[in-house]
């Protein structure tokens, strides 16, 4: 994995990101570089869907009934955005660094259709654990990640080769042990894909009144079947998922925008400021005012 470590350090150096704290979009849309000089305690956040590659450091994400650790030389595939609790660790005093990559639906469907036409299939069903499980970066995937890091340092090469490099990277992930997660998204009538479509609607309209009945109807499922499939994919009930998304969005408004708690509550869909404050403190172990003071 030393090749990837060298590659990401060289990219960060050329891009002036060696002191970055957080994440930033690269010159290639949908590809983000992240870095943290220190670890972070377990805290709630919403993981966006896509491919997350850790080159240095390690992270642990906590689900209601299990946890997953992934670190240097691992990648994680998330087919849908998920509210999780995450903690991060530096190793040997070296900063956490890696890349996160969006998987565009059009590209995914193009690749899956072509692979199925060539009689390639991922026969293993997407189970509760494997839908969000770390896997080791193998040699073909490492080669294309290294190529990605090289072209990201060159605007001309990014424009010329960027889309093709991402296409191959997604293909390599499809061929790997976590490919079934992406295959599941491309099965339009499968429960996993239906839940993903419902989640896209939920994230676009989280501040509006949302009911389980409406979400289920939008994807042509019964309420009971939708509720069961939703919990299998996200490990949360639909309403619990919505609440966590709203609270994370509200925290962002308070810390990044300086919004007052009552303003943030209203903007994310709460109608009761007192209910918002109670649920906020229960979720983050801090009141909105304490979060605001520490921002």
Foldseek 3Di string as FASTA:
>chain_A
DVLVVVLLVVLCVLVVNPPPAAKDDFLAPQKIKHKHQAKFDWAKDKAAFFKKAKQFWKKWKDFPPDIAIDHHQKMKGALGIAIIIMITHGDPSGMTITMTGHDDLVLLLVLLVVCVVVVDDDPDACFLALLTYMDGQDDVLVVLSSVQSVQSSPSVSCVVCVVVSVSVNLVVCCPDPSVNNSVQCNPCLDLSVLLRVLRVVCVVPLQDDDDLCVSQVVSVHDSVVNQVSNCSRHVDGPVVRSLSVLLNQLLCCCAVVVDDQVVSCNRRHHPDSVVSQVVNCVRGVDGSVVSNVVD
